[in-house]
Amino acid sequence: MSVRVLAAAAAILALAAVPAVARQASAGSLVVKDTHMRASLGANPNTGAYLTVTNRGAAKDKLVGASCACAARVELHEMSDVGGVMKMKKVDAFEVPAGGQLVLAPRGKHLMVFGLTQPVKTGDMVQMTLRFEKAGAVTTSFHVMNDPGATGGGGGHQHH
């Protein structure tokens, strides 16, 4: 084989090995990016999903809900350290500040996906619809991975 053919093959393989981290979707002045979902842990029918929302507008908005065909329901949750014990609770909305960002990450604010219709595995892409108070609905793909925390947030959802 020529050096050119080997170099081209190596470049193609390198691109195929990189997850699609540049995924993003827009709703009004909001840009949704860095969408990840934790791979299923054994037979556990629940998992977490994470993302970043950038608000390029002059008015705040709120993430008020989410849904996907992959699960019975998706809830907005946040975790906090209460006396050295991690506690999780459901919330009604997450604010996306004007000119700012909302970051959903492991061990913090996140989407809790309940009642998966089938396990999700590393490499899968899952469609989810996010609902914002002002910007409306936006559907985007979530990249399923074993450790979304490795991209920026730490531990996980092993407790679900």
Protein backbone atom coordinates (compact mmCIF):
# COMPACT_ATOMS: atom_id res chain seq x y z
CA MET A 1 0.00 0.00 0.00
CA SER A 2 1.12 3.51 -0.67
CA VAL A 3 1.75 5.99 2.11
CA ARG A 4 -1.17 8.10 0.85
CA VAL A 5 -3.62 5.20 1.12
CA LEU A 6 -2.41 4.35 4.62
CA ALA A 7 -2.64 7.99 5.71
CA ALA A 8 -6.18 8.30 4.33
CA ALA A 9 -7.25 5.06 6.05
CA ALA A 10 -5.74 6.23 9.34
CA ALA A 11 -7.57 9.57 9.10
CA ILE A 12 -10.91 7.86 8.44
CA LEU A 13 -10.41 5.50 11.38
CA ALA A 14 -9.47 8.39 13.67
CA LEU A 15 -12.61 10.32 12.75
CA ALA A 16 -14.80 7.24 13.28
CA ALA A 17 -13.38 6.78 16.79
CA VAL A 18 -14.29 10.31 17.93
CA PRO A 19 -17.81 10.68 19.36
CA ALA A 20 -19.96 13.37 17.80
CA VAL A 21 -19.33 15.98 20.48
CA ALA A 22 -20.23 18.86 18.19
CA ARG A 23 -23.96 18.04 18.31
CA GLN A 24 -26.10 21.08 18.90
CA ALA A 25 -29.63 22.27 18.36
CA SER A 26 -31.29 25.68 18.63
CA ALA A 27 -34.59 26.98 19.97
CA GLY A 28 -35.02 30.73 19.72
CA SER A 29 -31.98 32.35 21.38
CA LEU A 30 -31.02 29.06 23.07
CA VAL A 31 -28.30 26.69 21.84
CA VAL A 32 -28.30 23.14 23.25
CA LYS A 33 -24.99 21.26 23.04
CA ASP A 34 -22.81 18.64 24.76
CA THR A 35 -25.73 16.22 25.06
CA HIS A 36 -24.85 12.92 26.78
CA MET A 37 -26.76 10.04 28.34
CA ARG A 38 -25.27 7.48 30.69
CA ALA A 39 -25.31 3.92 29.34
CA SER A 40 -27.61 1.49 31.16
CA LEU A 41 -26.14 -0.11 34.25
CA GLY A 42 -27.12 -3.78 34.02
CA ALA A 43 -30.88 -4.26 34.16
CA ASN A 44 -31.49 -0.84 35.77
CA PRO A 45 -34.32 0.85 33.79
CA ASN A 46 -33.21 4.37 34.81
CA THR A 47 -30.34 6.61 33.77
CA GLY A 48 -29.19 10.22 33.66
CA ALA A 49 -28.79 12.68 30.81
CA TYR A 50 -26.70 15.85 30.67
CA LEU A 51 -26.30 18.93 28.46
CA THR A 52 -25.35 22.58 28.23
CA VAL A 53 -27.78 25.33 27.18
CA THR A 54 -26.37 28.71 26.16
CA ASN A 55 -28.76 31.66 26.11
CA ARG A 56 -27.67 34.23 23.53
CA GLY A 57 -30.70 36.39 24.25
CA ALA A 58 -31.44 39.32 26.56
CA ALA A 59 -34.22 37.51 28.46
CA LYS A 60 -33.98 34.51 30.76
CA ASP A 61 -35.76 31.28 29.86
CA LYS A 62 -36.45 28.04 31.71
CA LEU A 63 -36.06 24.37 30.89
CA VAL A 64 -39.43 23.07 32.08
CA GLY A 65 -39.46 19.48 30.85
CA ALA A 66 -38.18 16.75 28.59
CA SER A 67 -39.41 13.54 26.98
CA CYS A 68 -38.20 10.71 24.81
CA ALA A 69 -39.68 7.63 23.16
CA CYS A 70 -36.92 5.65 24.90
CA ALA A 71 -38.49 5.91 28.37
CA ALA A 72 -41.70 6.19 30.38
CA ARG A 73 -40.78 9.67 31.64
CA VAL A 74 -37.99 12.21 32.01
CA GLU A 75 -37.77 14.46 35.07
CA LEU A 76 -35.63 17.45 36.01
CA HIS A 77 -33.51 16.63 39.08
CA GLU A 78 -30.78 18.23 41.13
CA MET A 79 -28.37 16.72 43.60
CA SER A 80 -26.88 18.37 46.66
CA ASP A 81 -24.58 17.41 49.49
CA VAL A 82 -26.51 17.43 52.76
CA GLY A 83 -24.24 16.66 55.68
CA GLY A 84 -21.93 14.53 53.57
CA VAL A 85 -24.80 12.56 51.98
CA MET A 86 -25.80 13.14 48.35
CA LYS A 87 -29.54 13.89 48.07
CA MET A 88 -31.53 14.06 44.85
CA LYS A 89 -34.82 15.85 44.33
CA LYS A 90 -37.21 16.55 41.47
CA VAL A 91 -37.61 20.20 40.45
CA ASP A 92 -40.10 21.98 38.21
CA ALA A 93 -37.65 23.98 36.08
CA PHE A 94 -34.04 25.06 35.57
CA GLU A 95 -33.38 28.71 34.76
CA VAL A 96 -31.30 29.59 31.70
CA PRO A 97 -30.01 33.10 32.52
CA ALA A 98 -29.98 35.84 29.88
CA GLY A 99 -26.55 35.85 28.27
CA GLY A 100 -25.56 32.85 30.36
CA GLN A 101 -25.56 29.06 30.53
CA LEU A 102 -27.35 26.19 32.18
CA VAL A 103 -25.10 23.15 32.66
CA LEU A 104 -26.58 19.76 33.51
CA ALA A 105 -23.85 17.38 34.71
CA PRO A 106 -23.38 14.29 36.90
CA ARG A 107 -23.67 15.01 40.63
CA GLY A 108 -25.58 18.23 39.98
CA LYS A 109 -28.55 19.34 37.91
CA HIS A 110 -29.52 16.64 35.41
CA LEU A 111 -32.30 14.91 33.50
CA MET A 112 -33.42 11.68 35.14
CA VAL A 113 -34.69 9.15 32.59
CA PHE A 114 -37.10 6.63 34.12
CA GLY A 115 -38.46 3.38 32.71
CA LEU A 116 -36.21 2.83 29.70
CA THR A 117 -38.04 0.75 27.11
CA GLN A 118 -34.76 -1.07 26.43
CA PRO A 119 -31.19 -0.69 27.69
CA VAL A 120 -29.10 2.07 26.12
CA LYS A 121 -25.51 1.20 25.35
CA THR A 122 -22.34 3.10 24.61
CA GLY A 123 -22.36 4.43 21.07
CA ASP A 124 -26.17 4.66 20.81
CA MET A 125 -27.80 7.97 19.88
CA VAL A 126 -31.09 8.75 21.64
CA GLN A 127 -33.54 11.45 20.53
CA MET A 128 -34.97 13.61 23.31
CA THR A 129 -37.29 16.60 23.19
CA LEU A 130 -36.56 19.46 25.59
CA ARG A 131 -39.30 21.95 26.49
CA PHE A 132 -38.46 25.55 27.30
CA GLU A 133 -40.88 28.07 28.78
CA LYS A 134 -40.30 30.74 26.09
CA ALA A 135 -38.29 29.11 23.29
CA GLY A 136 -40.62 26.11 23.00
CA ALA A 137 -39.62 22.56 22.13
CA VAL A 138 -36.38 21.38 20.57
CA THR A 139 -35.49 17.79 19.71
CA THR A 140 -31.84 16.77 19.78
CA SER A 141 -29.67 13.65 19.91
CA PHE A 142 -27.98 12.43 23.09
CA HIS A 143 -24.78 10.41 22.73
CA VAL A 144 -24.82 7.40 25.06
CA MET A 145 -21.57 6.79 26.93
CA ASN A 146 -20.34 4.79 29.92
CA ASP A 147 -19.01 7.74 31.88
CA PRO A 148 -20.46 11.13 30.96
CA GLY A 149 -18.71 12.49 34.06
CA ALA A 150 -15.37 11.99 32.32
CA THR A 151 -16.30 14.95 30.10
CA GLY A 152 -16.73 17.30 33.00
CA GLY A 153 -18.54 16.42 36.15
CA GLY A 154 -17.49 13.46 38.19
CA GLY A 155 -19.38 10.46 39.49
CA GLY A 156 -22.68 9.16 38.72
CA HIS A 157 -26.00 7.49 38.91
CA GLN A 158 -24.96 4.13 40.27
CA HIS A 159 -27.44 4.69 43.10
CA HIS A 160 -30.54 4.49 40.84
